[in-house]
Amino acid sequence: MPPLIGRARDLCPSGVGLQLSAPIALGTHATATVQLPGFGGETVPVSLDLTIQSCRREGQTWVVGSRITGATEQDSRRVVEYCYVVCPPVALPAPVAVTEQLPVTTSVLGAELASA
């Protein structure tokens, strides 16, 4: 299979979202090289072994979800560094106070449980 041209849409230590020029079959094992910015602004190539988990058309391209199944120790460290130091997650909003609590009823295997 010839290389597919695309870009990374999102990245976390467990997977990569890609936007590709052509579809790729679910379950396919592939290797992607992603250019990641480092601490000092330099860009470094990171090679990741992937398993394709989803693929859907979006306009003229294909949006692909993949799980990272392998990488060198150095490349794994670079992904974690990028995700948590170079481009850290956005802080969640502060919790909201709840002034009134309504009972919630759920059914588990036919038995009703109520929590207040």
Protein backbone atom coordinates (compact mmCIF):
# COMPACT_ATOMS: atom_id res chain seq x y z
CA MET A 1 0.00 0.00 0.00
CA PRO A 2 1.46 3.40 -0.93
CA PRO A 3 1.80 6.03 1.83
CA LEU A 4 -1.26 8.17 2.49
CA ILE A 5 -0.85 11.91 2.83
CA GLY A 6 -2.62 13.56 5.74
CA ARG A 7 -2.35 15.40 8.99
CA ALA A 8 -2.87 14.64 12.66
CA ARG A 9 -6.12 16.13 13.99
CA ASP A 10 -5.55 15.18 17.61
CA LEU A 11 -3.13 13.15 19.67
CA CYS A 12 -3.08 11.54 23.10
CA PRO A 13 -0.79 8.86 24.55
CA SER A 14 -3.24 6.13 23.54
CA GLY A 15 -4.28 7.23 20.04
CA VAL A 16 -4.14 9.54 17.07
CA GLY A 17 -6.92 11.14 15.04
CA LEU A 18 -5.89 11.57 11.42
CA GLN A 19 -7.27 13.31 8.36
CA LEU A 20 -6.17 11.36 5.28
CA SER A 21 -6.44 11.69 1.52
CA ALA A 22 -7.97 8.20 1.14
CA PRO A 23 -9.82 5.65 3.29
CA ILE A 24 -8.06 2.91 5.21
CA ALA A 25 -9.68 -0.36 6.31
CA LEU A 26 -10.65 -0.94 9.93
CA GLY A 27 -8.19 -3.20 11.74
CA THR A 28 -5.32 -2.21 9.44
CA HIS A 29 -1.92 -2.03 11.13
CA ALA A 30 -0.07 1.07 9.94
CA THR A 31 2.86 3.30 10.82
CA ALA A 32 2.52 7.07 10.98
CA THR A 33 5.24 9.66 11.30
CA VAL A 34 3.99 12.75 13.11
CA GLN A 35 5.98 15.98 13.41
CA LEU A 36 5.70 17.15 17.03
CA PRO A 37 6.93 20.43 18.48
CA GLY A 38 9.26 20.00 21.45
CA PHE A 39 10.15 22.15 24.48
CA GLY A 40 12.35 24.59 22.58
CA GLY A 41 10.02 24.95 19.59
CA GLU A 42 11.99 22.46 17.49
CA THR A 43 9.95 19.93 15.53
CA VAL A 44 10.85 16.26 15.84
CA PRO A 45 9.50 13.29 13.85
CA VAL A 46 7.79 10.62 15.97
CA SER A 47 7.06 7.20 14.49
CA LEU A 48 3.99 5.40 15.83
CA ASP A 49 2.58 1.95 15.10
CA LEU A 50 -1.20 2.19 14.83
CA THR A 51 -4.30 0.04 14.53
CA ILE A 52 -7.13 1.72 12.62
CA GLN A 53 -10.37 1.78 14.63
CA SER A 54 -12.63 4.10 12.65
CA CYS A 55 -12.77 5.71 9.22
CA ARG A 56 -15.42 8.07 7.85
CA ARG A 57 -15.65 10.44 4.94
CA GLU A 58 -15.61 14.17 5.67
CA GLY A 59 -15.83 16.22 2.49
CA GLN A 60 -12.89 15.35 0.25
CA THR A 61 -10.89 13.66 3.04
CA TRP A 62 -11.24 10.77 5.47
CA VAL A 63 -11.25 11.12 9.26
CA VAL A 64 -9.50 8.16 10.86
CA GLY A 65 -9.30 7.14 14.51
CA SER A 66 -6.42 4.93 15.52
CA ARG A 67 -4.97 3.33 18.64
CA ILE A 68 -1.21 3.56 19.24
CA THR A 69 0.03 -0.02 19.47
CA GLY A 70 3.76 0.57 19.48
CA ALA A 71 6.53 3.17 19.59
CA THR A 72 10.10 3.41 20.75
CA GLU A 73 10.58 4.52 24.35
CA GLN A 74 11.87 7.88 23.10
CA ASP A 75 8.90 8.42 20.76
CA SER A 76 6.44 7.45 23.53
CA ARG A 77 8.11 9.99 25.83
CA ARG A 78 7.84 12.67 23.14
CA VAL A 79 4.10 12.02 22.76
CA VAL A 80 3.55 12.34 26.52
CA GLU A 81 5.77 15.45 26.62
CA TYR A 82 3.76 17.02 23.81
CA CYS A 83 0.36 16.14 25.31
CA TYR A 84 1.04 17.22 28.89
CA VAL A 85 3.83 19.82 28.75
CA VAL A 86 4.09 21.45 25.31
CA CYS A 87 0.33 21.48 24.67
CA PRO A 88 -1.28 20.76 28.08
CA PRO A 89 -4.98 19.97 28.39
CA VAL A 90 -7.35 22.87 28.92
CA ALA A 91 -8.54 23.26 32.51
CA LEU A 92 -12.11 22.21 33.16
CA PRO A 93 -14.56 24.84 34.44
CA ALA A 94 -15.11 25.11 38.18
CA PRO A 95 -17.85 22.85 39.62
CA VAL A 96 -21.33 24.33 39.89
CA ALA A 97 -23.13 24.24 43.25
CA VAL A 98 -26.36 22.25 43.24
CA THR A 99 -29.05 23.74 45.46
CA GLU A 100 -31.80 21.18 45.01
CA GLN A 101 -31.28 17.44 44.79
CA LEU A 102 -33.96 15.36 43.11
CA PRO A 103 -34.13 11.60 43.65
CA VAL A 104 -32.73 9.57 40.79
CA THR A 105 -34.18 6.14 40.11
CA THR A 106 -32.43 3.53 38.01
CA SER A 107 -33.15 -0.09 37.34
CA VAL A 108 -30.44 -2.73 37.71
CA LEU A 109 -31.36 -6.29 36.70
CA GLY A 110 -35.00 -5.63 37.47
CA ALA A 111 -34.37 -4.19 40.97
CA GLU A 112 -35.03 -0.52 41.47
CA LEU A 113 -32.43 1.55 43.27
CA ALA A 114 -33.18 5.07 44.48
CA SER A 115 -30.56 7.58 45.51
CA ALA A 116 -31.22 10.89 47.17
